[in-house]
Amino acid sequence: MKVTISIDDELAARVRDVARREGTTLNDIIRRHLETVAGRRGRAALVQELRQLWADHPGHSGGRKVARDEAHEGRT
């Protein structure tokens, strides 16, 4: 279904800037927000979001194995 909404030009520009930084679109941001508001997210949408997060933030160990004691260092 297609829905037309009206938003302020400045708001649209700010959201497009956010979308550009996140590598997505204004349309996708609105869709995700509506899914969250409706309390329902499809399994495919969740999988896609997780894959994108993994691609964007692959970690920073550089392939180095971390010892258990080192991983818990500083925790009480």
C-alpha atoms as a PDB file:
ATOM      1  CA  MET A   1       0.000   0.000   0.000  1.00  0.00           C
ATOM      2  CA  LYS A   2       1.240   3.476  -0.768  1.00  0.00           C
ATOM      3  CA  VAL A   3       0.556   6.282   1.697  1.00  0.00           C
ATOM      4  CA  THR A   4       1.229   9.963   1.195  1.00  0.00           C
ATOM      5  CA  ILE A   5       2.288  12.057   4.176  1.00  0.00           C
ATOM      6  CA  SER A   6       3.178  15.714   4.552  1.00  0.00           C
ATOM      7  CA  ILE A   7       6.199  16.793   6.564  1.00  0.00           C
ATOM      8  CA  ASP A   8       8.140  20.001   6.901  1.00  0.00           C
ATOM      9  CA  ASP A   9      10.929  20.476   4.318  1.00  0.00           C
ATOM     10  CA  GLU A  10      13.516  21.033   7.050  1.00  0.00           C
ATOM     11  CA  LEU A  11      12.514  17.809   8.836  1.00  0.00           C
ATOM     12  CA  ALA A  12      12.675  15.875   5.575  1.00  0.00           C
ATOM     13  CA  ALA A  13      16.169  17.240   4.905  1.00  0.00           C
ATOM     14  CA  ARG A  14      17.377  16.306   8.408  1.00  0.00           C
ATOM     15  CA  VAL A  15      15.980  12.778   8.129  1.00  0.00           C
ATOM     16  CA  ARG A  16      17.518  12.364   4.667  1.00  0.00           C
ATOM     17  CA  ASP A  17      20.881  13.355   6.171  1.00  0.00           C
ATOM     18  CA  VAL A  18      20.451  10.686   8.856  1.00  0.00           C
ATOM     19  CA  ALA A  19      19.408   8.161   6.209  1.00  0.00           C
ATOM     20  CA  ARG A  20      22.447   8.976   4.074  1.00  0.00           C
ATOM     21  CA  ARG A  21      24.780   8.447   7.056  1.00  0.00           C
ATOM     22  CA  GLU A  22      23.060   5.133   7.837  1.00  0.00           C
ATOM     23  CA  GLY A  23      23.141   4.022   4.209  1.00  0.00           C
ATOM     24  CA  THR A  24      19.370   3.848   3.935  1.00  0.00           C
ATOM     25  CA  THR A  25      16.475   6.009   2.754  1.00  0.00           C
ATOM     26  CA  LEU A  26      13.927   8.317   4.315  1.00  0.00           C
ATOM     27  CA  ASN A  27      11.260   5.827   3.245  1.00  0.00           C
ATOM     28  CA  ASP A  28      13.003   2.975   5.077  1.00  0.00           C
ATOM     29  CA  ILE A  29      13.387   5.051   8.245  1.00  0.00           C
ATOM     30  CA  ILE A  30       9.677   5.895   8.200  1.00  0.00           C
ATOM     31  CA  ARG A  31       8.751   2.251   7.539  1.00  0.00           C
ATOM     32  CA  ARG A  32      10.925   1.010  10.440  1.00  0.00           C
ATOM     33  CA  HIS A  33       9.425   3.609  12.769  1.00  0.00           C
ATOM     34  CA  LEU A  34       5.885   2.635  11.827  1.00  0.00           C
ATOM     35  CA  GLU A  35       6.720  -1.043  12.377  1.00  0.00           C
ATOM     36  CA  THR A  36       8.079  -0.183  15.818  1.00  0.00           C
ATOM     37  CA  VAL A  37       5.040   1.934  16.693  1.00  0.00           C
ATOM     38  CA  ALA A  38       2.731  -0.841  15.560  1.00  0.00           C
ATOM     39  CA  GLY A  39       4.667  -3.267  17.755  1.00  0.00           C
ATOM     40  CA  ARG A  40       5.303  -5.646  14.933  1.00  0.00           C
ATOM     41  CA  ARG A  41       8.453  -6.285  13.000  1.00  0.00           C
ATOM     42  CA  GLY A  42       8.639  -8.946  10.403  1.00  0.00           C
ATOM     43  CA  ARG A  43      11.266 -11.644  10.705  1.00  0.00           C
ATOM     44  CA  ALA A  44      12.772 -10.661   7.353  1.00  0.00           C
ATOM     45  CA  ALA A  45      13.124  -7.027   8.471  1.00  0.00           C
ATOM     46  CA  LEU A  46      14.894  -8.090  11.660  1.00  0.00           C
ATOM     47  CA  VAL A  47      17.270 -10.371   9.768  1.00  0.00           C
ATOM     48  CA  GLN A  48      18.053  -7.602   7.293  1.00  0.00           C
ATOM     49  CA  GLU A  49      18.717  -5.118  10.095  1.00  0.00           C
ATOM     50  CA  LEU A  50      21.042  -7.568  11.896  1.00  0.00           C
ATOM     51  CA  ARG A  51      22.950  -8.289   8.702  1.00  0.00           C
ATOM     52  CA  GLN A  52      23.366  -4.563   8.108  1.00  0.00           C
ATOM     53  CA  LEU A  53      24.587  -4.032  11.681  1.00  0.00           C
ATOM     54  CA  TRP A  54      27.128  -6.857  11.303  1.00  0.00           C
ATOM     55  CA  ALA A  55      28.329  -5.377   8.009  1.00  0.00           C
ATOM     56  CA  ASP A  56      28.609  -1.868   9.475  1.00  0.00           C
ATOM     57  CA  HIS A  57      30.199  -2.946  12.781  1.00  0.00           C
ATOM     58  CA  PRO A  58      32.247  -6.101  12.220  1.00  0.00           C
ATOM     59  CA  GLY A  59      34.179  -5.739  15.481  1.00  0.00           C
ATOM     60  CA  HIS A  60      37.648  -4.507  16.238  1.00  0.00           C
ATOM     61  CA  SER A  61      39.728  -7.472  17.416  1.00  0.00           C
ATOM     62  CA  GLY A  62      41.630  -7.584  14.139  1.00  0.00           C
ATOM     63  CA  GLY A  63      41.359 -11.356  14.254  1.00  0.00           C
ATOM     64  CA  ARG A  64      43.195 -11.514  17.577  1.00  0.00           C
ATOM     65  CA  LYS A  65      41.852 -14.115  19.987  1.00  0.00           C
ATOM     66  CA  VAL A  66      40.872 -12.697  23.363  1.00  0.00           C
ATOM     67  CA  ALA A  67      41.521 -14.758  26.488  1.00  0.00           C
ATOM     68  CA  ARG A  68      38.627 -15.203  28.902  1.00  0.00           C
ATOM     69  CA  ASP A  69      40.440 -13.363  31.720  1.00  0.00           C
ATOM     70  CA  GLU A  70      41.222 -10.483  29.373  1.00  0.00           C
ATOM     71  CA  ALA A  71      37.616 -10.277  28.187  1.00  0.00           C
ATOM     72  CA  HIS A  72      36.404  -9.944  31.780  1.00  0.00           C
ATOM     73  CA  GLU A  73      39.162  -7.616  32.882  1.00  0.00           C
ATOM     74  CA  GLY A  74      37.853  -4.617  34.796  1.00  0.00           C
ATOM     75  CA  ARG A  75      34.501  -6.179  35.601  1.00  0.00           C
ATOM     76  CA  THR A  76      33.498  -6.795  39.176  1.00  0.00           C
END
